Amino acid sequence: MTNLDKTESEEDKLINEKINLAKKLGIWKSFNPIEGYETKKDFKRIEEIDKRLAEITNG
């Protein structure tokens, strides 16, 4: 497995995790968020995932 394969695997894993968290918070597809979603651990994790995805994409 090359580094590129590992990066793609990590990227796919992060994207799927982000989608699942966003669905749980009610902010995926239709915007119907749970109350106080911005203060939840899951939202913080989404922000962490976004940062890591930017690192992967931008090198």
Protein backbone atom coordinates (compact mmCIF):
# COMPACT_ATOMS: atom_id res chain seq x y z
CA MET A 1 0.00 0.00 0.00
CA THR A 2 1.42 3.36 -0.98
CA ASN A 3 1.18 6.59 0.97
CA LEU A 4 -1.39 7.79 -1.56
CA ASP A 5 -3.56 4.75 -0.83
CA LYS A 6 -3.32 5.44 2.90
CA THR A 7 -4.24 9.09 2.38
CA GLU A 8 -7.25 8.16 0.28
CA SER A 9 -8.37 5.66 2.92
CA GLU A 10 -8.01 8.25 5.67
CA GLU A 11 -9.83 10.82 3.57
CA ASP A 12 -12.74 8.46 2.86
CA LYS A 13 -12.94 7.48 6.51
CA LEU A 14 -13.01 11.13 7.62
CA ILE A 15 -15.65 12.08 5.07
CA ASN A 16 -17.90 9.23 6.19
CA GLU A 17 -17.41 10.15 9.85
CA LYS A 18 -18.24 13.79 9.10
CA ILE A 19 -21.42 12.83 7.26
CA ASN A 20 -22.57 10.60 10.11
CA LEU A 21 -21.89 13.31 12.70
CA ALA A 22 -23.66 15.94 10.60
CA LYS A 23 -26.71 13.69 10.22
CA LYS A 24 -26.75 13.14 13.99
CA LEU A 25 -26.70 16.92 14.54
CA GLY A 26 -29.38 17.56 11.91
CA ILE A 27 -27.11 19.61 9.64
CA TRP A 28 -26.77 17.22 6.71
CA LYS A 29 -28.80 17.86 3.53
CA SER A 30 -31.78 19.66 5.11
CA PHE A 31 -30.78 22.09 7.84
CA ASN A 32 -32.82 21.07 10.88
CA PRO A 33 -30.22 21.25 13.66
CA ILE A 34 -30.65 19.99 17.17
CA GLU A 35 -30.71 22.74 19.77
CA GLY A 36 -27.23 23.96 20.68
CA TYR A 37 -25.54 21.82 18.02
CA GLU A 38 -22.62 24.28 17.76
CA THR A 39 -21.56 23.51 21.33
CA LYS A 40 -21.70 19.71 20.99
CA LYS A 41 -18.62 17.47 20.91
CA ASP A 42 -19.75 16.10 17.55
CA PHE A 43 -19.65 19.60 16.03
CA LYS A 44 -16.13 20.15 17.38
CA ARG A 45 -15.13 16.84 15.82
CA ILE A 46 -16.53 17.99 12.47
CA GLU A 47 -14.29 21.07 12.71
CA GLU A 48 -11.27 18.83 13.45
CA ILE A 49 -12.16 16.63 10.48
CA ASP A 50 -12.40 19.70 8.22
CA LYS A 51 -8.91 20.78 9.29
CA ARG A 52 -7.46 17.33 8.62
CA LEU A 53 -9.20 17.07 5.25
CA ALA A 54 -7.70 20.44 4.30
CA GLU A 55 -4.26 19.14 5.27
CA ILE A 56 -4.74 16.01 3.18
CA THR A 57 -6.06 17.95 0.18
CA ASN A 58 -3.48 20.74 0.30
CA GLY A 59 -0.54 18.55 1.18
